[in-house]
Amino acid sequence: MSALMPLNPKPFLNGLTGKPALVKLKWGQEYKGYLVSVDGYMNLQLANTEEYIDGNCTGNLGEVLIRCNN
């Protein structure tokens, strides 16, 4: 039986910088864009972002900041 190794999310997210990302919020919205940056509070900055609600694209938002609220 293999043991699961815990993964620190901050270095993992930093490694995704410049790559396409999909962020799903607990309220159901989804944001697709390119990850620009992540800070120590896990706030996310996305570029070329599109918003999806119920699977339907509602438009292009451009650059957005998604604030972590935990």
C-alpha atoms as a PDB file:
ATOM      1  CA  MET A   1       0.000   0.000   0.000  1.00  0.00           C
ATOM      2  CA  SER A   2       1.459   3.373  -0.968  1.00  0.00           C
ATOM      3  CA  ALA A   3       1.157   6.370   1.313  1.00  0.00           C
ATOM      4  CA  LEU A   4      -0.143   9.676   0.021  1.00  0.00           C
ATOM      5  CA  MET A   5       2.349  12.513   0.204  1.00  0.00           C
ATOM      6  CA  PRO A   6       0.868  15.866   1.214  1.00  0.00           C
ATOM      7  CA  LEU A   7       1.375  18.612  -1.352  1.00  0.00           C
ATOM      8  CA  ASN A   8       1.974  22.216  -0.329  1.00  0.00           C
ATOM      9  CA  PRO A   9      -0.472  24.226  -2.494  1.00  0.00           C
ATOM     10  CA  LYS A  10       1.578  27.450  -2.666  1.00  0.00           C
ATOM     11  CA  PRO A  11       4.575  26.053  -4.614  1.00  0.00           C
ATOM     12  CA  PHE A  12       2.167  23.987  -6.707  1.00  0.00           C
ATOM     13  CA  LEU A  13       0.162  27.086  -7.696  1.00  0.00           C
ATOM     14  CA  ASN A  14       3.317  29.132  -8.293  1.00  0.00           C
ATOM     15  CA  GLY A  15       4.418  26.405 -10.710  1.00  0.00           C
ATOM     16  CA  LEU A  16       1.224  26.977 -12.709  1.00  0.00           C
ATOM     17  CA  THR A  17       2.020  30.657 -13.325  1.00  0.00           C
ATOM     18  CA  GLY A  18       1.636  31.481 -17.020  1.00  0.00           C
ATOM     19  CA  LYS A  19      -0.447  28.377 -17.698  1.00  0.00           C
ATOM     20  CA  PRO A  20      -4.190  28.047 -18.344  1.00  0.00           C
ATOM     21  CA  ALA A  21      -6.227  27.700 -15.159  1.00  0.00           C
ATOM     22  CA  LEU A  22      -9.841  26.990 -14.281  1.00  0.00           C
ATOM     23  CA  VAL A  23     -11.061  28.367 -10.947  1.00  0.00           C
ATOM     24  CA  LYS A  24     -14.388  27.106  -9.575  1.00  0.00           C
ATOM     25  CA  LEU A  25     -16.005  29.127  -6.798  1.00  0.00           C
ATOM     26  CA  LYS A  26     -18.249  27.601  -4.151  1.00  0.00           C
ATOM     27  CA  TRP A  27     -21.190  29.617  -5.539  1.00  0.00           C
ATOM     28  CA  GLY A  28     -20.944  27.857  -8.913  1.00  0.00           C
ATOM     29  CA  GLN A  29     -19.147  30.415 -11.067  1.00  0.00           C
ATOM     30  CA  GLU A  30     -16.129  29.281 -13.063  1.00  0.00           C
ATOM     31  CA  TYR A  31     -13.323  31.442 -14.393  1.00  0.00           C
ATOM     32  CA  LYS A  32     -10.977  30.311 -17.167  1.00  0.00           C
ATOM     33  CA  GLY A  33      -7.828  32.260 -17.861  1.00  0.00           C
ATOM     34  CA  TYR A  34      -4.056  32.309 -17.542  1.00  0.00           C
ATOM     35  CA  LEU A  35      -2.655  32.355 -14.015  1.00  0.00           C
ATOM     36  CA  VAL A  36      -0.589  35.526 -13.605  1.00  0.00           C
ATOM     37  CA  SER A  37       0.225  35.364  -9.902  1.00  0.00           C
ATOM     38  CA  VAL A  38      -0.651  33.933  -6.499  1.00  0.00           C
ATOM     39  CA  ASP A  39       0.139  35.674  -3.221  1.00  0.00           C
ATOM     40  CA  GLY A  40       0.665  34.414   0.322  1.00  0.00           C
ATOM     41  CA  TYR A  41      -3.070  34.623   1.020  1.00  0.00           C
ATOM     42  CA  MET A  42      -3.782  32.526  -2.091  1.00  0.00           C
ATOM     43  CA  ASN A  43      -5.433  35.414  -3.941  1.00  0.00           C
ATOM     44  CA  LEU A  44      -5.301  34.620  -7.663  1.00  0.00           C
ATOM     45  CA  GLN A  45      -4.703  36.969 -10.580  1.00  0.00           C
ATOM     46  CA  LEU A  46      -5.911  35.723 -13.969  1.00  0.00           C
ATOM     47  CA  ALA A  47      -5.464  37.234 -17.438  1.00  0.00           C
ATOM     48  CA  ASN A  48      -7.670  36.751 -20.532  1.00  0.00           C
ATOM     49  CA  THR A  49     -10.401  35.527 -18.215  1.00  0.00           C
ATOM     50  CA  GLU A  50     -13.795  34.219 -19.270  1.00  0.00           C
ATOM     51  CA  GLU A  51     -16.670  33.762 -16.802  1.00  0.00           C
ATOM     52  CA  TYR A  52     -18.907  30.678 -16.951  1.00  0.00           C
ATOM     53  CA  ILE A  53     -22.183  30.309 -15.084  1.00  0.00           C
ATOM     54  CA  ASP A  54     -24.033  26.989 -15.317  1.00  0.00           C
ATOM     55  CA  GLY A  55     -21.556  25.971 -18.026  1.00  0.00           C
ATOM     56  CA  ASN A  56     -22.385  28.941 -20.264  1.00  0.00           C
ATOM     57  CA  CYS A  57     -19.842  31.628 -21.077  1.00  0.00           C
ATOM     58  CA  THR A  58     -21.187  34.996 -19.894  1.00  0.00           C
ATOM     59  CA  GLY A  59     -18.366  37.022 -21.407  1.00  0.00           C
ATOM     60  CA  ASN A  60     -14.708  37.936 -21.468  1.00  0.00           C
ATOM     61  CA  LEU A  61     -13.601  39.786 -18.321  1.00  0.00           C
ATOM     62  CA  GLY A  62      -9.932  40.292 -19.191  1.00  0.00           C
ATOM     63  CA  GLU A  63      -7.735  40.611 -16.103  1.00  0.00           C
ATOM     64  CA  VAL A  64      -9.323  39.668 -12.757  1.00  0.00           C
ATOM     65  CA  LEU A  65      -8.342  39.188  -9.127  1.00  0.00           C
ATOM     66  CA  ILE A  66     -10.023  36.381  -7.223  1.00  0.00           C
ATOM     67  CA  ARG A  67      -9.752  37.029  -3.511  1.00  0.00           C
ATOM     68  CA  CYS A  68      -9.372  34.067  -1.182  1.00  0.00           C
ATOM     69  CA  ASN A  69     -11.888  34.276   1.642  1.00  0.00           C
ATOM     70  CA  ASN A  70     -11.092  31.647   4.253  1.00  0.00           C
END
